[in-house]
Amino acid sequence: MSKRVTIFAGHYGSGKTNVAVNYALWLSEEHSKVSIADLDIVNPYFRSKDSEKVLEEKGIRLISSAFANSNVDTPALPAEAYSITADKDCYAVVDVGGDDRGALALGRYVPDILEENNYEMYFVINKYRPLTPDADSAIEVMREIEYSCGMRFTGIVNNSNIGEETTPEEVQNSFAYADEISAKTGIPVVMTTVDKRIYPQIKEIKENAKPLTLYVRQSWQRG
């Protein structure tokens, strides 16, 4: 069963925004009132506002900076972002900016989230990003984010991919990486997210696999 607030955070380029958008769409199939809050103040170019049209079609409320997808981006967040904690009838998905700097934006909502205690906070990992190629480097990012926002992660999402070039073999090769992070932190791997194009092959070998539609613009280079 989904918690009322689900937070996605991770290293820059981990693909957390696309995971968050897909998760909001999954929630909308079960709940009539869903919102997604884009708290990414680090990177104004790869964000959930890219998916505004598809979210609107599903009745999902998008909360984001007025400057998203423009040539101006400021750390200012809209006042409606407080509905994450204030509106208890709404299932909220929160997309946190990359690394510890982005996690600072979440900090202002943390006391109320912790008080309600109806949340999950997922660490999105990607083995194929240059700065998180091994478990220890990923865990370092994890701890920096936790320290900055004042919350602990409750689950791991293995989103290891190299964009549209990703093969089933590359996803399979990330399983040990995700399992090592889980073993060293005691945090479970709750999902393995893969492009819907290769999902049929992965679901046969990974029980917690979930198919992703690529809604968010993203450029890619191998690390």
N, C-alpha and C. Protein backbone atom coordinates (compact mmCIF):
# COMPACT_ATOMS: atom_id res chain seq x y z
N MET A 1 0.85 -1.19 0.00
CA MET A 1 0.00 0.00 0.00
C MET A 1 0.88 1.25 0.00
N SER A 2 0.51 2.23 -0.80
CA SER A 2 1.29 3.45 -0.91
C SER A 2 1.11 4.32 0.32
N LYS A 3 2.21 4.95 0.72
CA LYS A 3 2.12 5.96 1.77
C LYS A 3 1.62 7.25 1.14
N ARG A 4 1.16 8.18 1.98
CA ARG A 4 0.56 9.38 1.42
C ARG A 4 1.60 10.27 0.74
N VAL A 5 2.80 10.32 1.28
CA VAL A 5 3.87 11.11 0.68
C VAL A 5 5.00 10.18 0.25
N THR A 6 5.41 10.27 -1.00
CA THR A 6 6.52 9.48 -1.51
C THR A 6 7.56 10.41 -2.10
N ILE A 7 8.77 10.33 -1.56
CA ILE A 7 9.85 11.25 -1.93
C ILE A 7 10.90 10.49 -2.73
N PHE A 8 11.34 11.08 -3.83
CA PHE A 8 12.41 10.50 -4.64
C PHE A 8 13.59 11.46 -4.66
N ALA A 9 14.76 10.95 -4.30
CA ALA A 9 15.98 11.75 -4.31
C ALA A 9 17.12 10.88 -4.79
N GLY A 10 18.17 11.52 -5.28
CA GLY A 10 19.32 10.74 -5.77
C GLY A 10 20.33 11.64 -6.41
N HIS A 11 21.39 11.03 -6.89
CA HIS A 11 22.45 11.78 -7.54
C HIS A 11 21.94 12.42 -8.82
N TYR A 12 22.52 13.57 -9.16
CA TYR A 12 22.19 14.24 -10.41
C TYR A 12 22.35 13.26 -11.58
N GLY A 13 21.32 13.14 -12.40
CA GLY A 13 21.38 12.24 -13.55
C GLY A 13 20.97 10.81 -13.26
N SER A 14 20.49 10.55 -12.05
CA SER A 14 20.08 9.18 -11.71
C SER A 14 18.77 8.79 -12.39
N GLY A 15 18.02 9.77 -12.87
CA GLY A 15 16.73 9.50 -13.51
C GLY A 15 15.57 9.57 -12.54
N LYS A 16 15.79 10.18 -11.38
CA LYS A 16 14.75 10.22 -10.35
C LYS A 16 13.50 10.96 -10.79
N THR A 17 13.66 12.00 -11.63
CA THR A 17 12.49 12.74 -12.07
C THR A 17 11.57 11.88 -12.91
N ASN A 18 12.14 11.10 -13.82
CA ASN A 18 11.30 10.23 -14.64
C ASN A 18 10.63 9.16 -13.78
N VAL A 19 11.34 8.65 -12.79
CA VAL A 19 10.75 7.68 -11.87
C VAL A 19 9.60 8.32 -11.12
N ALA A 20 9.80 9.56 -10.64
CA ALA A 20 8.76 10.25 -9.88
C ALA A 20 7.51 10.49 -10.73
N VAL A 21 7.69 10.88 -11.98
CA VAL A 21 6.55 11.12 -12.86
C VAL A 21 5.78 9.83 -13.10
N ASN A 22 6.49 8.75 -13.40
CA ASN A 22 5.83 7.46 -13.60
C ASN A 22 5.10 7.02 -12.34
N TYR A 23 5.72 7.23 -11.19
CA TYR A 23 5.10 6.81 -9.93
C TYR A 23 3.79 7.59 -9.70
N ALA A 24 3.80 8.88 -9.99
CA ALA A 24 2.58 9.68 -9.85
C ALA A 24 1.48 9.15 -10.76
N LEU A 25 1.85 8.75 -11.96
CA LEU A 25 0.86 8.20 -12.89
C LEU A 25 0.33 6.87 -12.39
N TRP A 26 1.19 6.04 -11.81
CA TRP A 26 0.73 4.78 -11.22
C TRP A 26 -0.26 5.06 -10.09
N LEU A 27 0.07 6.03 -9.23
CA LEU A 27 -0.82 6.37 -8.12
C LEU A 27 -2.18 6.83 -8.61
N SER A 28 -2.20 7.55 -9.72
CA SER A 28 -3.46 8.11 -10.22
C SER A 28 -4.42 7.01 -10.67
N GLU A 29 -3.91 5.81 -10.88
CA GLU A 29 -4.78 4.70 -11.26
C GLU A 29 -5.56 4.17 -10.07
N GLU A 30 -5.09 4.48 -8.85
CA GLU A 30 -5.72 3.97 -7.63
C GLU A 30 -6.33 5.06 -6.77
N HIS A 31 -5.89 6.30 -6.96
CA HIS A 31 -6.34 7.39 -6.09
C HIS A 31 -6.81 8.56 -6.94
N SER A 32 -7.86 9.19 -6.50
CA SER A 32 -8.47 10.26 -7.29
C SER A 32 -7.74 11.58 -7.15
N LYS A 33 -6.98 11.76 -6.10
CA LYS A 33 -6.30 13.03 -5.86
C LYS A 33 -4.81 12.80 -5.68
N VAL A 34 -4.03 13.19 -6.69
CA VAL A 34 -2.58 12.98 -6.69
C VAL A 34 -1.90 14.27 -7.13
N SER A 35 -0.80 14.60 -6.49
CA SER A 35 0.00 15.74 -6.90
C SER A 35 1.46 15.33 -7.00
N ILE A 36 2.23 16.05 -7.79
CA ILE A 36 3.67 15.86 -7.84
C ILE A 36 4.32 17.21 -7.65
N ALA A 37 5.22 17.31 -6.69
CA ALA A 37 5.91 18.56 -6.38
C ALA A 37 7.35 18.48 -6.85
N ASP A 38 7.71 19.40 -7.71
CA ASP A 38 9.06 19.46 -8.24
C ASP A 38 9.87 20.43 -7.37
N LEU A 39 10.70 19.87 -6.48
CA LEU A 39 11.52 20.70 -5.61
C LEU A 39 12.94 20.83 -6.14
N ASP A 40 13.13 20.52 -7.41
CA ASP A 40 14.46 20.56 -8.00
C ASP A 40 14.89 21.99 -8.27
N ILE A 41 15.75 22.53 -7.39
CA ILE A 41 16.25 23.88 -7.58
C ILE A 41 17.69 23.85 -8.09
N VAL A 42 18.19 22.64 -8.39
CA VAL A 42 19.56 22.48 -8.84
C VAL A 42 19.66 22.51 -10.35
N ASN A 43 18.75 21.79 -11.01
CA ASN A 43 18.84 21.64 -12.46
C ASN A 43 17.52 22.04 -13.12
N PRO A 44 17.47 23.20 -13.78
CA PRO A 44 16.21 23.67 -14.33
C PRO A 44 15.83 23.04 -15.66
N TYR A 45 16.64 22.14 -16.20
CA TYR A 45 16.40 21.68 -17.57
C TYR A 45 15.85 20.26 -17.67
N PHE A 46 16.07 19.42 -16.67
CA PHE A 46 15.52 18.06 -16.71
C PHE A 46 14.59 17.93 -15.51
N ARG A 47 13.34 18.21 -15.72
CA ARG A 47 12.46 18.24 -14.57
C ARG A 47 11.04 17.81 -14.94
N SER A 48 10.23 17.64 -13.89
CA SER A 48 8.91 17.07 -14.09
C SER A 48 7.98 17.98 -14.89
N LYS A 49 8.29 19.25 -15.02
CA LYS A 49 7.44 20.14 -15.83
C LYS A 49 7.46 19.72 -17.30
N ASP A 50 8.50 18.98 -17.71
CA ASP A 50 8.53 18.44 -19.06
C ASP A 50 7.29 17.59 -19.34
N SER A 51 6.73 17.02 -18.28
CA SER A 51 5.62 16.08 -18.40
C SER A 51 4.28 16.72 -18.04
N GLU A 52 4.22 18.03 -18.06
CA GLU A 52 3.03 18.74 -17.60
C GLU A 52 1.76 18.28 -18.32
N LYS A 53 1.85 18.08 -19.62
CA LYS A 53 0.66 17.73 -20.40
C LYS A 53 0.11 16.37 -20.00
N VAL A 54 0.97 15.36 -19.91
CA VAL A 54 0.49 14.02 -19.58
C VAL A 54 -0.02 13.97 -18.15
N LEU A 55 0.60 14.73 -17.25
CA LEU A 55 0.12 14.77 -15.87
C LEU A 55 -1.26 15.42 -15.81
N GLU A 56 -1.42 16.49 -16.54
CA GLU A 56 -2.71 17.19 -16.57
C GLU A 56 -3.82 16.30 -17.11
N GLU A 57 -3.51 15.51 -18.13
CA GLU A 57 -4.50 14.61 -18.72
C GLU A 57 -4.99 13.57 -17.71
N LYS A 58 -4.14 13.20 -16.76
CA LYS A 58 -4.51 12.22 -15.75
C LYS A 58 -5.04 12.87 -14.47
N GLY A 59 -5.20 14.19 -14.50
CA GLY A 59 -5.74 14.88 -13.34
C GLY A 59 -4.76 15.04 -12.21
N ILE A 60 -3.47 14.97 -12.50
CA ILE A 60 -2.43 15.08 -11.48
C ILE A 60 -1.97 16.53 -11.39
N ARG A 61 -2.00 17.07 -10.20
CA ARG A 61 -1.60 18.46 -10.00
C ARG A 61 -0.07 18.56 -9.96
N LEU A 62 0.50 19.44 -10.78
CA LEU A 62 1.94 19.66 -10.80
C LEU A 62 2.26 20.94 -10.05
N ILE A 63 3.14 20.82 -9.07
CA ILE A 63 3.59 21.96 -8.28
C ILE A 63 5.07 22.19 -8.62
N SER A 64 5.37 23.34 -9.22
CA SER A 64 6.75 23.61 -9.61
C SER A 64 7.01 25.11 -9.63
N SER A 65 8.27 25.46 -9.71
CA SER A 65 8.66 26.86 -9.78
C SER A 65 8.05 27.51 -11.02
N ALA A 66 7.67 28.76 -10.90
CA ALA A 66 7.12 29.50 -12.04
C ALA A 66 8.16 29.68 -13.13
N PHE A 67 9.44 29.49 -12.78
CA PHE A 67 10.52 29.68 -13.74
C PHE A 67 10.99 28.38 -14.37
N ALA A 68 10.34 27.26 -14.07
CA ALA A 68 10.77 25.98 -14.63
C ALA A 68 10.68 26.01 -16.15
N ASN A 69 11.70 25.41 -16.79
CA ASN A 69 11.77 25.33 -18.25
C ASN A 69 11.83 26.71 -18.92
N SER A 70 12.38 27.67 -18.21
CA SER A 70 12.63 28.98 -18.80
C SER A 70 14.12 29.27 -18.70
N ASN A 71 14.52 30.43 -19.17
CA ASN A 71 15.92 30.79 -19.07
C ASN A 71 16.28 31.36 -17.71
N VAL A 72 15.27 31.47 -16.84
CA VAL A 72 15.50 31.98 -15.50
C VAL A 72 15.07 30.91 -14.51
N ASP A 73 15.93 30.60 -13.57
CA ASP A 73 15.56 29.62 -12.54
C ASP A 73 16.10 30.09 -11.21
N THR A 74 15.23 30.18 -10.22
CA THR A 74 15.64 30.65 -8.91
C THR A 74 15.29 29.59 -7.88
N PRO A 75 15.89 29.67 -6.68
CA PRO A 75 15.58 28.70 -5.65
C PRO A 75 14.21 28.88 -5.03
N ALA A 76 13.44 29.87 -5.50
CA ALA A 76 12.13 30.13 -4.92
C ALA A 76 11.16 29.02 -5.26
N LEU A 77 10.47 28.51 -4.25
CA LEU A 77 9.46 27.49 -4.46
C LEU A 77 8.09 28.10 -4.21
N PRO A 78 7.07 27.66 -4.95
CA PRO A 78 5.74 28.26 -4.79
C PRO A 78 5.13 27.92 -3.44
N ALA A 79 4.29 28.83 -2.94
CA ALA A 79 3.65 28.63 -1.64
C ALA A 79 2.80 27.37 -1.63
N GLU A 80 2.26 26.97 -2.81
CA GLU A 80 1.40 25.80 -2.86
C GLU A 80 2.15 24.51 -2.56
N ALA A 81 3.49 24.57 -2.52
CA ALA A 81 4.25 23.38 -2.18
C ALA A 81 3.94 22.90 -0.77
N TYR A 82 3.45 23.80 0.07
CA TYR A 82 3.09 23.40 1.43
C TYR A 82 1.89 22.46 1.46
N SER A 83 1.17 22.34 0.34
CA SER A 83 0.07 21.39 0.29
C SER A 83 0.56 19.95 0.41
N ILE A 84 1.86 19.72 0.18
CA ILE A 84 2.44 18.39 0.36
C ILE A 84 2.09 17.85 1.75
N THR A 85 2.21 18.71 2.74
CA THR A 85 1.93 18.29 4.11
C THR A 85 0.55 18.73 4.59
N ALA A 86 0.00 19.80 4.00
CA ALA A 86 -1.26 20.34 4.51
C ALA A 86 -2.49 19.58 4.04
N ASP A 87 -2.44 19.08 2.79
CA ASP A 87 -3.61 18.42 2.21
C ASP A 87 -3.52 16.92 2.45
N LYS A 88 -4.14 16.46 3.51
CA LYS A 88 -4.05 15.06 3.91
C LYS A 88 -4.88 14.13 3.04
N ASP A 89 -5.72 14.68 2.17
CA ASP A 89 -6.52 13.86 1.27
C ASP A 89 -5.82 13.57 -0.05
N CYS A 90 -4.65 14.19 -0.23
CA CYS A 90 -3.94 14.07 -1.50
C CYS A 90 -2.69 13.20 -1.35
N TYR A 91 -2.49 12.31 -2.32
CA TYR A 91 -1.25 11.52 -2.36
C TYR A 91 -0.20 12.36 -3.10
N ALA A 92 0.88 12.66 -2.40
CA ALA A 92 1.89 13.57 -2.93
C ALA A 92 3.17 12.83 -3.29
N VAL A 93 3.67 13.11 -4.48
CA VAL A 93 4.97 12.60 -4.93
C VAL A 93 5.91 13.80 -4.96
N VAL A 94 7.10 13.64 -4.39
CA VAL A 94 8.04 14.75 -4.28
C VAL A 94 9.33 14.39 -5.02
N ASP A 95 9.69 15.25 -5.97
CA ASP A 95 10.92 15.08 -6.75
C ASP A 95 11.95 16.05 -6.20
N VAL A 96 12.95 15.51 -5.49
CA VAL A 96 13.96 16.35 -4.84
C VAL A 96 15.15 16.53 -5.76
N GLY A 97 15.72 17.73 -5.76
CA GLY A 97 16.86 18.03 -6.62
C GLY A 97 18.06 17.16 -6.33
N GLY A 98 18.98 17.08 -7.29
CA GLY A 98 20.14 16.20 -7.19
C GLY A 98 21.08 16.55 -6.04
N ASP A 99 21.55 15.53 -5.38
CA ASP A 99 22.59 15.64 -4.35
C ASP A 99 22.12 16.43 -3.12
N ASP A 100 23.10 16.77 -2.25
CA ASP A 100 22.77 17.39 -0.98
C ASP A 100 22.23 18.81 -1.13
N ARG A 101 22.67 19.54 -2.17
CA ARG A 101 22.18 20.91 -2.36
C ARG A 101 20.68 20.91 -2.62
N GLY A 102 20.24 20.00 -3.47
CA GLY A 102 18.81 19.92 -3.75
C GLY A 102 18.01 19.49 -2.55
N ALA A 103 18.60 18.64 -1.71
CA ALA A 103 17.89 18.14 -0.54
C ALA A 103 17.59 19.24 0.46
N LEU A 104 18.35 20.32 0.42
CA LEU A 104 18.08 21.44 1.34
C LEU A 104 16.68 21.99 1.15
N ALA A 105 16.17 21.96 -0.09
CA ALA A 105 14.83 22.48 -0.36
C ALA A 105 13.76 21.66 0.34
N LEU A 106 14.02 20.37 0.52
CA LEU A 106 13.05 19.50 1.19
C LEU A 106 12.99 19.79 2.68
N GLY A 107 14.09 20.30 3.23
CA GLY A 107 14.20 20.46 4.68
C GLY A 107 13.08 21.23 5.33
N ARG A 108 12.54 22.22 4.64
CA ARG A 108 11.49 23.06 5.25
C ARG A 108 10.20 22.29 5.48
N TYR A 109 10.00 21.18 4.74
CA TYR A 109 8.77 20.38 4.88
C TYR A 109 8.95 19.16 5.79
N VAL A 110 10.21 18.87 6.14
CA VAL A 110 10.52 17.65 6.88
C VAL A 110 9.81 17.53 8.23
N PRO A 111 9.79 18.58 9.07
CA PRO A 111 9.13 18.41 10.38
C PRO A 111 7.68 17.94 10.26
N ASP A 112 6.93 18.50 9.31
CA ASP A 112 5.53 18.10 9.16
C ASP A 112 5.41 16.70 8.57
N ILE A 113 6.32 16.35 7.65
CA ILE A 113 6.30 14.99 7.08
C ILE A 113 6.58 13.96 8.15
N LEU A 114 7.57 14.24 8.99
CA LEU A 114 7.91 13.31 10.07
C LEU A 114 6.80 13.21 11.10
N GLU A 115 6.15 14.32 11.37
CA GLU A 115 5.06 14.31 12.35
C GLU A 115 3.90 13.45 11.87
N GLU A 116 3.55 13.57 10.61
CA GLU A 116 2.46 12.75 10.07
C GLU A 116 2.86 11.29 9.99
N ASN A 117 4.13 11.04 9.67
CA ASN A 117 4.70 9.68 9.62
C ASN A 117 3.92 8.77 8.68
N ASN A 118 3.66 9.28 7.48
CA ASN A 118 2.96 8.50 6.47
C ASN A 118 3.67 8.71 5.13
N TYR A 119 4.95 8.33 5.10
CA TYR A 119 5.79 8.63 3.94
C TYR A 119 6.77 7.50 3.65
N GLU A 120 7.27 7.51 2.43
CA GLU A 120 8.44 6.73 2.04
C GLU A 120 9.42 7.70 1.38
N MET A 121 10.70 7.45 1.58
CA MET A 121 11.73 8.26 0.94
C MET A 121 12.68 7.32 0.22
N TYR A 122 12.67 7.38 -1.10
CA TYR A 122 13.40 6.43 -1.93
C TYR A 122 14.65 7.05 -2.54
N PHE A 123 15.75 6.32 -2.42
CA PHE A 123 17.03 6.73 -3.00
C PHE A 123 17.15 6.09 -4.38
N VAL A 124 17.19 6.93 -5.42
CA VAL A 124 17.26 6.43 -6.79
C VAL A 124 18.73 6.30 -7.19
N ILE A 125 19.13 5.09 -7.60
CA ILE A 125 20.53 4.84 -7.94
C ILE A 125 20.67 4.50 -9.41
N ASN A 126 21.85 4.81 -9.94
CA ASN A 126 22.16 4.50 -11.34
C ASN A 126 23.64 4.16 -11.44
N LYS A 127 23.91 2.89 -11.60
CA LYS A 127 25.28 2.38 -11.67
C LYS A 127 26.08 3.03 -12.79
N TYR A 128 25.42 3.51 -13.82
CA TYR A 128 26.11 3.97 -15.02
C TYR A 128 26.37 5.48 -15.06
N ARG A 129 26.15 6.17 -13.94
CA ARG A 129 26.54 7.57 -13.86
C ARG A 129 27.98 7.68 -13.39
N PRO A 130 28.76 8.64 -13.92
CA PRO A 130 30.19 8.71 -13.65
C PRO A 130 30.58 8.81 -12.18
N LEU A 131 29.77 9.50 -11.37
CA LEU A 131 30.16 9.74 -9.98
C LEU A 131 29.59 8.71 -9.00
N THR A 132 28.80 7.75 -9.49
CA THR A 132 28.28 6.71 -8.59
C THR A 132 28.44 5.32 -9.22
N PRO A 133 29.64 4.96 -9.64
CA PRO A 133 29.82 3.68 -10.33
C PRO A 133 29.93 2.48 -9.40
N ASP A 134 30.08 2.73 -8.10
CA ASP A 134 30.21 1.63 -7.14
C ASP A 134 29.36 1.93 -5.91
N ALA A 135 29.18 0.91 -5.09
CA ALA A 135 28.29 1.04 -3.94
C ALA A 135 28.74 2.12 -2.96
N ASP A 136 30.03 2.19 -2.68
CA ASP A 136 30.51 3.15 -1.69
C ASP A 136 30.29 4.59 -2.13
N SER A 137 30.49 4.89 -3.41
CA SER A 137 30.26 6.26 -3.89
C SER A 137 28.78 6.61 -3.84
N ALA A 138 27.92 5.64 -4.15
CA ALA A 138 26.49 5.89 -4.06
C ALA A 138 26.04 6.12 -2.62
N ILE A 139 26.60 5.34 -1.71
CA ILE A 139 26.25 5.48 -0.29
C ILE A 139 26.70 6.84 0.24
N GLU A 140 27.83 7.32 -0.24
CA GLU A 140 28.29 8.65 0.17
C GLU A 140 27.28 9.71 -0.23
N VAL A 141 26.75 9.62 -1.45
CA VAL A 141 25.72 10.56 -1.89
C VAL A 141 24.47 10.41 -1.03
N MET A 142 24.10 9.17 -0.73
CA MET A 142 22.93 8.91 0.09
C MET A 142 23.03 9.61 1.45
N ARG A 143 24.17 9.46 2.09
CA ARG A 143 24.36 10.05 3.43
C ARG A 143 24.38 11.57 3.37
N GLU A 144 24.93 12.14 2.31
CA GLU A 144 24.94 13.60 2.16
C GLU A 144 23.52 14.14 2.03
N ILE A 145 22.68 13.44 1.27
CA ILE A 145 21.29 13.86 1.10
C ILE A 145 20.55 13.76 2.43
N GLU A 146 20.72 12.66 3.13
CA GLU A 146 20.06 12.48 4.41
C GLU A 146 20.44 13.57 5.40
N TYR A 147 21.72 13.89 5.44
CA TYR A 147 22.21 14.93 6.36
C TYR A 147 21.61 16.29 6.01
N SER A 148 21.53 16.60 4.72
CA SER A 148 21.06 17.90 4.28
C SER A 148 19.58 18.12 4.54
N CYS A 149 18.77 17.07 4.36
CA CYS A 149 17.32 17.25 4.52
C CYS A 149 16.82 16.84 5.89
N GLY A 150 17.61 16.07 6.63
CA GLY A 150 17.19 15.67 7.98
C GLY A 150 16.26 14.49 8.01
N MET A 151 16.27 13.66 6.95
CA MET A 151 15.44 12.47 6.90
C MET A 151 16.27 11.28 6.42
N ARG A 152 15.83 10.09 6.81
CA ARG A 152 16.49 8.87 6.39
C ARG A 152 15.72 8.22 5.25
N PHE A 153 16.46 7.61 4.33
CA PHE A 153 15.81 6.86 3.26
C PHE A 153 15.18 5.59 3.81
N THR A 154 14.08 5.20 3.19
CA THR A 154 13.38 3.98 3.61
C THR A 154 13.46 2.88 2.54
N GLY A 155 13.89 3.25 1.33
CA GLY A 155 13.97 2.26 0.26
C GLY A 155 14.90 2.72 -0.84
N ILE A 156 15.30 1.77 -1.69
CA ILE A 156 16.19 2.04 -2.82
C ILE A 156 15.46 1.69 -4.11
N VAL A 157 15.58 2.56 -5.11
CA VAL A 157 15.05 2.28 -6.45
C VAL A 157 16.25 2.12 -7.38
N ASN A 158 16.41 0.94 -7.93
CA ASN A 158 17.50 0.70 -8.88
C ASN A 158 17.03 1.13 -10.26
N ASN A 159 17.53 2.28 -10.69
CA ASN A 159 17.15 2.83 -12.00
C ASN A 159 18.38 2.87 -12.91
N SER A 160 19.25 1.89 -12.79
CA SER A 160 20.48 1.86 -13.58
C SER A 160 20.17 1.73 -15.07
N ASN A 161 20.65 2.72 -15.83
CA ASN A 161 20.36 2.73 -17.26
C ASN A 161 21.33 3.65 -17.98
N ILE A 162 21.38 3.53 -19.29
CA ILE A 162 22.15 4.47 -20.11
C ILE A 162 21.21 5.05 -21.18
N GLY A 163 20.03 5.41 -20.73
CA GLY A 163 19.05 6.00 -21.64
C GLY A 163 18.47 4.98 -22.60
N GLU A 164 18.20 5.42 -23.80
CA GLU A 164 17.53 4.57 -24.77
C GLU A 164 18.43 3.45 -25.29
N GLU A 165 19.71 3.51 -24.97
CA GLU A 165 20.64 2.47 -25.40
C GLU A 165 20.67 1.28 -24.44
N THR A 166 19.98 1.38 -23.32
CA THR A 166 20.05 0.36 -22.29
C THR A 166 19.59 -1.00 -22.80
N THR A 167 20.37 -2.03 -22.48
CA THR A 167 20.02 -3.40 -22.84
C THR A 167 19.60 -4.17 -21.59
N PRO A 168 18.89 -5.27 -21.74
CA PRO A 168 18.55 -6.10 -20.59
C PRO A 168 19.79 -6.55 -19.82
N GLU A 169 20.88 -6.81 -20.53
CA GLU A 169 22.11 -7.27 -19.88
C GLU A 169 22.67 -6.19 -18.96
N GLU A 170 22.58 -4.93 -19.40
CA GLU A 170 23.10 -3.85 -18.56
C GLU A 170 22.27 -3.69 -17.30
N VAL A 171 20.97 -3.85 -17.41
CA VAL A 171 20.13 -3.80 -16.22
C VAL A 171 20.48 -4.96 -15.29
N GLN A 172 20.60 -6.15 -15.85
CA GLN A 172 20.93 -7.32 -15.04
C GLN A 172 22.28 -7.14 -14.35
N ASN A 173 23.23 -6.51 -15.02
CA ASN A 173 24.55 -6.30 -14.43
C ASN A 173 24.54 -5.31 -13.27
N SER A 174 23.42 -4.61 -13.07
CA SER A 174 23.33 -3.66 -11.96
C SER A 174 22.74 -4.28 -10.70
N PHE A 175 22.25 -5.50 -10.80
CA PHE A 175 21.59 -6.12 -9.64
C PHE A 175 22.54 -6.25 -8.44
N ALA A 176 23.76 -6.70 -8.70
CA ALA A 176 24.72 -6.89 -7.60
C ALA A 176 25.08 -5.55 -6.96
N TYR A 177 25.17 -4.51 -7.79
CA TYR A 177 25.45 -3.15 -7.31
C TYR A 177 24.36 -2.69 -6.34
N ALA A 178 23.11 -2.86 -6.75
CA ALA A 178 21.99 -2.46 -5.90
C ALA A 178 21.95 -3.30 -4.62
N ASP A 179 22.20 -4.59 -4.76
CA ASP A 179 22.17 -5.47 -3.59
C ASP A 179 23.28 -5.12 -2.60
N GLU A 180 24.44 -4.70 -3.11
CA GLU A 180 25.54 -4.32 -2.22
C GLU A 180 25.20 -3.06 -1.44
N ILE A 181 24.59 -2.08 -2.12
CA ILE A 181 24.16 -0.86 -1.42
C ILE A 181 23.15 -1.20 -0.34
N SER A 182 22.22 -2.08 -0.67
CA SER A 182 21.21 -2.51 0.30
C SER A 182 21.84 -3.21 1.49
N ALA A 183 22.78 -4.10 1.23
CA ALA A 183 23.42 -4.87 2.31
C ALA A 183 24.22 -3.96 3.24
N LYS A 184 24.89 -2.97 2.67
CA LYS A 184 25.74 -2.09 3.48
C LYS A 184 24.94 -1.06 4.27
N THR A 185 23.73 -0.75 3.81
CA THR A 185 22.92 0.28 4.48
C THR A 185 21.76 -0.30 5.27
N GLY A 186 21.37 -1.53 4.97
CA GLY A 186 20.19 -2.11 5.60
C GLY A 186 18.89 -1.59 5.03
N ILE A 187 18.95 -0.94 3.87
CA ILE A 187 17.76 -0.37 3.23
C ILE A 187 17.37 -1.26 2.05
N PRO A 188 16.13 -1.69 1.96
CA PRO A 188 15.74 -2.64 0.91
C PRO A 188 15.64 -2.01 -0.47
N VAL A 189 15.89 -2.82 -1.49
CA VAL A 189 15.64 -2.41 -2.87
C VAL A 189 14.16 -2.67 -3.13
N VAL A 190 13.38 -1.62 -3.28
CA VAL A 190 11.93 -1.77 -3.40
C VAL A 190 11.46 -1.88 -4.85
N MET A 191 12.26 -1.34 -5.79
CA MET A 191 11.89 -1.38 -7.19
C MET A 191 13.13 -1.42 -8.07
N THR A 192 13.00 -2.11 -9.20
CA THR A 192 13.98 -2.03 -10.28
C THR A 192 13.22 -1.47 -11.46
N THR A 193 13.50 -0.22 -11.81
CA THR A 193 12.74 0.46 -12.86
C THR A 193 13.49 0.38 -14.19
N VAL A 194 12.76 0.01 -15.24
CA VAL A 194 13.38 -0.18 -16.55
C VAL A 194 12.48 0.38 -17.65
N ASP A 195 13.10 0.79 -18.72
CA ASP A 195 12.37 1.25 -19.90
C ASP A 195 11.36 0.16 -20.30
N LYS A 196 10.14 0.56 -20.58
CA LYS A 196 9.10 -0.41 -20.91
C LYS A 196 9.47 -1.25 -22.13
N ARG A 197 10.40 -0.75 -22.92
CA ARG A 197 10.86 -1.47 -24.12
C ARG A 197 11.52 -2.80 -23.75
N ILE A 198 12.26 -2.82 -22.63
CA ILE A 198 12.96 -4.04 -22.23
C ILE A 198 12.36 -4.68 -20.98
N TYR A 199 11.25 -4.10 -20.51
CA TYR A 199 10.60 -4.64 -19.31
C TYR A 199 10.22 -6.12 -19.43
N PRO A 200 9.69 -6.59 -20.57
CA PRO A 200 9.30 -8.00 -20.65
C PRO A 200 10.44 -8.96 -20.32
N GLN A 201 11.67 -8.62 -20.71
CA GLN A 201 12.81 -9.50 -20.42
C GLN A 201 13.20 -9.43 -18.94
N ILE A 202 13.11 -8.23 -18.36
CA ILE A 202 13.56 -8.05 -16.97
C ILE A 202 12.55 -8.63 -15.98
N LYS A 203 11.27 -8.53 -16.27
CA LYS A 203 10.28 -9.01 -15.30
C LYS A 203 10.36 -10.51 -15.09
N GLU A 204 10.96 -11.21 -16.05
CA GLU A 204 11.11 -12.66 -15.92
C GLU A 204 12.18 -13.03 -14.91
N ILE A 205 13.10 -12.08 -14.65
CA ILE A 205 14.22 -12.41 -13.74
C ILE A 205 14.25 -11.52 -12.49
N LYS A 206 13.40 -10.50 -12.45
CA LYS A 206 13.39 -9.61 -11.28
C LYS A 206 11.96 -9.34 -10.85
N GLU A 207 11.61 -9.83 -9.68
CA GLU A 207 10.23 -9.77 -9.22
C GLU A 207 9.73 -8.35 -9.03
N ASN A 208 10.61 -7.43 -8.57
CA ASN A 208 10.15 -6.08 -8.27
C ASN A 208 10.34 -5.11 -9.43
N ALA A 209 10.49 -5.61 -10.66
CA ALA A 209 10.68 -4.75 -11.83
C ALA A 209 9.41 -3.96 -12.14
N LYS A 210 9.60 -2.70 -12.53
CA LYS A 210 8.48 -1.84 -12.92
C LYS A 210 8.82 -1.17 -14.25
N PRO A 211 7.87 -1.11 -15.19
CA PRO A 211 8.14 -0.50 -16.49
C PRO A 211 8.02 1.02 -16.45
N LEU A 212 8.96 1.70 -17.09
CA LEU A 212 8.94 3.16 -17.16
C LEU A 212 8.66 3.63 -18.59
N THR A 213 7.85 4.66 -18.68
CA THR A 213 7.73 5.41 -19.92
C THR A 213 8.64 6.62 -19.78
N LEU A 214 9.44 6.91 -20.79
CA LEU A 214 10.39 8.02 -20.71
C LEU A 214 9.69 9.32 -21.09
N TYR A 215 9.30 10.09 -20.07
CA TYR A 215 8.59 11.33 -20.29
C TYR A 215 9.51 12.54 -20.24
N VAL A 216 10.62 12.42 -19.51
CA VAL A 216 11.46 13.57 -19.21
C VAL A 216 12.64 13.64 -20.15
N ARG A 217 12.88 14.82 -20.71
CA ARG A 217 14.03 15.01 -21.59
C ARG A 217 15.31 14.77 -20.81
N GLN A 218 16.24 14.05 -21.43
CA GLN A 218 17.50 13.78 -20.75
C GLN A 218 18.58 13.47 -21.78
N SER A 219 19.74 14.10 -21.63
CA SER A 219 20.87 13.79 -22.50
C SER A 219 21.73 12.76 -21.81
N TRP A 220 22.47 11.99 -22.60
CA TRP A 220 23.22 10.90 -22.01
C TRP A 220 24.61 10.78 -22.58
N GLN A 221 25.53 10.41 -21.69
CA GLN A 221 26.87 10.01 -22.11
C GLN A 221 27.34 8.93 -21.16
N ARG A 222 28.09 8.01 -21.68
CA ARG A 222 28.60 6.93 -20.84
C ARG A 222 29.67 7.45 -19.90
N GLY A 223 29.64 6.92 -18.65
CA GLY A 223 30.63 7.33 -17.69
C GLY A 223 31.94 6.58 -17.87
